[in-house]
Each structure stands twice: as structure tokens, then as C-alpha cells.
C-alpha atoms as a PDB file:
ATOM      1  CA  LEU A   1     -13.419   3.049  -1.162  1.00  0.00           C
ATOM      2  CA  PHE A   2      -9.887   2.215  -2.254  1.00  0.00           C
ATOM      3  CA  TYR A   3      -8.519   5.120  -0.221  1.00  0.00           C
ATOM      4  CA  ALA A   4     -10.328   3.805   2.864  1.00  0.00           C
ATOM      5  CA  TYR A   5      -9.046   0.281   2.143  1.00  0.00           C
ATOM      6  CA  GLN A   6      -5.450   1.436   1.884  1.00  0.00           C
ATOM      7  CA  ASN A   7      -5.802   3.368   5.146  1.00  0.00           C
ATOM      8  CA  ILE A   8      -6.777   0.117   6.825  1.00  0.00           C
ATOM      9  CA  LEU A   9      -3.749  -1.580   5.276  1.00  0.00           C
ATOM     10  CA  ARG A  10      -1.544   1.256   6.515  1.00  0.00           C
ATOM     11  CA  VAL A  11      -2.461   0.765  10.185  1.00  0.00           C
ATOM     12  CA  MET A  12      -3.051  -2.990  10.088  1.00  0.00           C
ATOM     13  CA  PRO A  13       0.425  -4.064  11.317  1.00  0.00           C
ATOM     14  CA  GLY A  14       0.018  -1.916  14.417  1.00  0.00           C
ATOM     15  CA  ILE A  15      -3.214  -3.701  15.215  1.00  0.00           C
ATOM     16  CA  ILE A  16      -1.884  -7.227  14.714  1.00  0.00           C
ATOM     17  CA  ILE A  17       1.629  -6.592  16.049  1.00  0.00           C
ATOM     18  CA  ASP A  18       1.544  -9.461  18.539  1.00  0.00           C
ATOM     19  CA  ASP A  19       0.352 -11.945  15.922  1.00  0.00           C
ATOM     20  CA  LEU A  20       3.054 -10.878  13.470  1.00  0.00           C
ATOM     21  CA  ILE A  21       5.816 -11.038  16.080  1.00  0.00           C
ATOM     22  CA  HIS A  22       4.790 -14.566  17.076  1.00  0.00           C
ATOM     23  CA  LYS A  23       4.045 -15.825  13.547  1.00  0.00           C
ATOM     24  CA  PHE A  24       7.351 -14.684  12.058  1.00  0.00           C
ATOM     25  CA  ASP A  25       9.431 -14.841  15.272  1.00  0.00           C
ATOM     26  CA  ILE A  26      10.797 -11.285  14.984  1.00  0.00           C
ATOM     27  CA  SER A  27      11.823  -8.592  17.452  1.00  0.00           C
ATOM     28  CA  ALA A  28      10.044  -5.297  18.053  1.00  0.00           C
ATOM     29  CA  SER A  29      12.762  -3.357  16.231  1.00  0.00           C
ATOM     30  CA  THR A  30      12.455  -5.628  13.204  1.00  0.00           C
ATOM     31  CA  PHE A  31       8.713  -5.066  13.278  1.00  0.00           C
ATOM     32  CA  GLY A  32       9.278  -1.297  13.312  1.00  0.00           C
ATOM     33  CA  GLN A  33      11.474  -1.548  10.249  1.00  0.00           C
ATOM     34  CA  PHE A  34       8.850  -3.724   8.609  1.00  0.00           C
ATOM     35  CA  ALA A  35       6.123  -1.161   9.274  1.00  0.00           C
ATOM     36  CA  GLY A  36       8.328   1.587   7.846  1.00  0.00           C
ATOM     37  CA  LEU A  37       8.798  -0.246   4.545  1.00  0.00           C
ATOM     38  CA  TYR A  38       5.247   0.713   3.630  1.00  0.00           C
ATOM     39  CA  TYR A  39       6.102   4.408   3.780  1.00  0.00           C
ATOM     40  CA  ILE A  40       9.337   4.038   1.835  1.00  0.00           C
ATOM     41  CA  ALA A  41       7.521   2.374  -1.060  1.00  0.00           C
ATOM     42  CA  TYR A  42       4.548   4.720  -0.662  1.00  0.00           C
ATOM     43  CA  SER A  43       6.666   7.841  -1.052  1.00  0.00           C
ATOM     44  CA  ALA A  44       9.051   6.382  -3.658  1.00  0.00           C
ATOM     45  CA  LEU A  45       6.245   5.573  -6.086  1.00  0.00           C
ATOM     46  CA  HIS A  46       4.389   8.879  -5.924  1.00  0.00           C
ATOM     47  CA  ILE A  47       6.160  10.347  -8.950  1.00  0.00           C
ATOM     48  CA  PRO A  48       5.997   7.241 -11.170  1.00  0.00           C
ATOM     49  CA  ILE A  49       2.333   6.617 -10.360  1.00  0.00           C
ATOM     50  CA  GLY A  50       1.575  10.308 -10.868  1.00  0.00           C
ATOM     51  CA  MET A  51       3.121  10.104 -14.323  1.00  0.00           C
ATOM     52  CA  ILE A  52       1.127   6.952 -15.065  1.00  0.00           C
ATOM     53  CA  LEU A  53      -2.059   8.717 -13.947  1.00  0.00           C
ATOM     54  CA  ASP A  54      -1.258  11.611 -16.296  1.00  0.00           C
ATOM     55  CA  LYS A  55      -0.793   9.228 -19.207  1.00  0.00           C
ATOM     56  CA  TYR A  56      -3.720   6.920 -18.393  1.00  0.00           C
ATOM     57  CA  SER A  57      -6.920   7.679 -16.542  1.00  0.00           C
ATOM     58  CA  PRO A  58      -7.615   6.836 -12.902  1.00  0.00           C
ATOM     59  CA  LYS A  59     -10.249   4.477 -14.279  1.00  0.00           C
ATOM     60  CA  LYS A  60      -7.454   2.247 -15.571  1.00  0.00           C
ATOM     61  CA  VAL A  61      -4.895   2.799 -12.810  1.00  0.00           C
ATOM     62  CA  ILE A  62      -7.080   2.288  -9.724  1.00  0.00           C
ATOM     63  CA  PRO A  63      -8.058  -1.348 -10.496  1.00  0.00           C
ATOM     64  CA  ILE A  64      -4.412  -2.248 -11.047  1.00  0.00           C
ATOM     65  CA  CYS A  65      -3.422  -0.626  -7.744  1.00  0.00           C
ATOM     66  CA  ILE A  66      -6.244  -2.425  -5.938  1.00  0.00           C
ATOM     67  CA  LEU A  67      -5.104  -5.737  -7.406  1.00  0.00           C
ATOM     68  CA  MET A  68      -1.528  -5.052  -6.331  1.00  0.00           C
ATOM     69  CA  THR A  69      -2.579  -4.268  -2.743  1.00  0.00           C
ATOM     70  CA  VAL A  70      -4.506  -7.543  -2.616  1.00  0.00           C
ATOM     71  CA  ILE A  71      -1.510  -9.439  -4.012  1.00  0.00           C
ATOM     72  CA  GLY A  72       0.721  -7.744  -1.436  1.00  0.00           C
ATOM     73  CA  GLN A  73      -1.500  -9.026   1.363  1.00  0.00           C
ATOM     74  CA  LEU A  74      -1.274 -12.672   0.286  1.00  0.00           C
ATOM     75  CA  PRO A  75       2.076 -13.413   2.005  1.00  0.00           C
ATOM     76  CA  PHE A  76       0.495 -12.565   5.364  1.00  0.00           C
ATOM     77  CA  ILE A  77      -2.171 -15.160   4.763  1.00  0.00           C
ATOM     78  CA  PHE A  78      -0.333 -18.007   3.070  1.00  0.00           C
ATOM     79  CA  THR A  79       3.305 -17.992   4.132  1.00  0.00           C
ATOM     80  CA  GLN A  80       5.508 -18.220   7.186  1.00  0.00           C
ATOM     81  CA  ASN A  81       8.492 -16.742   5.322  1.00  0.00           C
ATOM     82  CA  TRP A  82       9.559 -13.313   6.573  1.00  0.00           C
ATOM     83  CA  ILE A  83      11.099 -12.289   3.231  1.00  0.00           C
ATOM     84  CA  PHE A  84       7.783 -12.765   1.441  1.00  0.00           C
ATOM     85  CA  ALA A  85       6.049 -10.676   4.105  1.00  0.00           C
ATOM     86  CA  ILE A  86       8.567  -7.873   3.532  1.00  0.00           C
ATOM     87  CA  ILE A  87       8.076  -8.017  -0.235  1.00  0.00           C
ATOM     88  CA  GLY A  88       4.305  -7.996   0.256  1.00  0.00           C
ATOM     89  CA  ARG A  89       4.490  -4.938   2.521  1.00  0.00           C
ATOM     90  CA  ILE A  90       6.551  -3.071  -0.079  1.00  0.00           C
ATOM     91  CA  ILE A  91       4.032  -3.971  -2.793  1.00  0.00           C
ATOM     92  CA  VAL A  92       1.144  -2.784  -0.622  1.00  0.00           C
ATOM     93  CA  GLY A  93       2.907   0.498   0.132  1.00  0.00           C
ATOM     94  CA  GLY A  94       3.703   1.201  -3.484  1.00  0.00           C
ATOM     95  CA  ALA A  95       0.255   0.336  -4.760  1.00  0.00           C
ATOM     96  CA  SER A  96      -1.427   2.329  -1.996  1.00  0.00           C
ATOM     97  CA  SER A  97       0.129   5.522  -3.272  1.00  0.00           C
ATOM     98  CA  GLY A  98      -2.191   5.175  -6.247  1.00  0.00           C
ATOM     99  CA  ALA A  99      -5.184   5.756  -3.975  1.00  0.00           C
ATOM    100  CA  ILE A 100      -4.400   9.295  -2.849  1.00  0.00           C
ATOM    101  CA  LEU A 101      -2.914  10.290  -6.183  1.00  0.00           C
ATOM    102  CA  SER A 102      -6.061   9.103  -7.959  1.00  0.00           C
ATOM    103  CA  VAL A 103      -8.181  11.155  -5.568  1.00  0.00           C
ATOM    104  CA  PHE A 104      -6.047  14.208  -6.320  1.00  0.00           C
ATOM    105  CA  LYS A 105      -6.303  13.566 -10.061  1.00  0.00           C
ATOM    106  CA  ILE A 106     -10.093  13.253  -9.915  1.00  0.00           C
ATOM    107  CA  ILE A 107     -10.389  16.431  -7.833  1.00  0.00           C
ATOM    108  CA  ASN A 108      -8.095  18.233 -10.275  1.00  0.00           C
ATOM    109  CA  ARG A 109     -10.350  17.235 -13.169  1.00  0.00           C
ATOM    110  CA  CYS A 110     -13.418  18.587 -11.365  1.00  0.00           C
ATOM    111  CA  LYS A 111     -14.120  22.066 -12.705  1.00  0.00           C
ATOM    112  CA  VAL A 112     -17.096  22.733 -10.412  1.00  0.00           C
ATOM    113  CA  CYS A 113     -15.223  22.147  -7.148  1.00  0.00           C
ATOM    114  CA  VAL A 114     -15.252  25.009  -4.685  1.00  0.00           C
END
């Protein structure tokens, strides 16, 4: 479910582009940079989160990543400040990398998988 949730968060800015442009009074190029921040954080945190998953179990890491994605969404709801929205998008991107890595870790642990 977390993987599906983070997929929604990944495409969400493309769906609400007009609302974001009007709410934060930004240009289309600024919005494109904003959308790309997700992927920078997503890819940058793959190795650290992978190491954390090796040390701790996905059972402990997934709830923390879910909490971080929720916290990263709060600036969109409660603030008009563009900087907080950027920070929130980076948090969401970084925490979302825990979803796919946890899936890979669980599949790797499965000895019966075909």
C-alpha cells in the first residue's frame, strides 16, 4: 500500500499543476524544477535507505518512511510559502525511496519466490 501511496505522491504535482502555480505564484519552469526535486531526493537516498534496511527490518523502516511522506505533504496543505513546499517535496522524494527498496528487500527475503 505504501508503494501505491508514493506513486500517487510522485504524479500528484502534474495533476494539480494549475492549483500549485496559482497558489504559490510560480512559473512553469519553476514548477518543472519543483517536480524534479522529488527524483533528486529519491535517487540520492537509495543507498542510505538500503543500508538502513540491511541493518533494520522493513517492519521498522516502512512506518518511518510513511510518516516522513505525510510530514512532507503538510506544507502543501498549511502554508503559502514556496520554500516550505520545496522542502516538503524533497522530504517526500527521499522517504518514498523507502517504498521500492522495502519491496525489494521483502522479495529478496522470500525463498519460495519463482
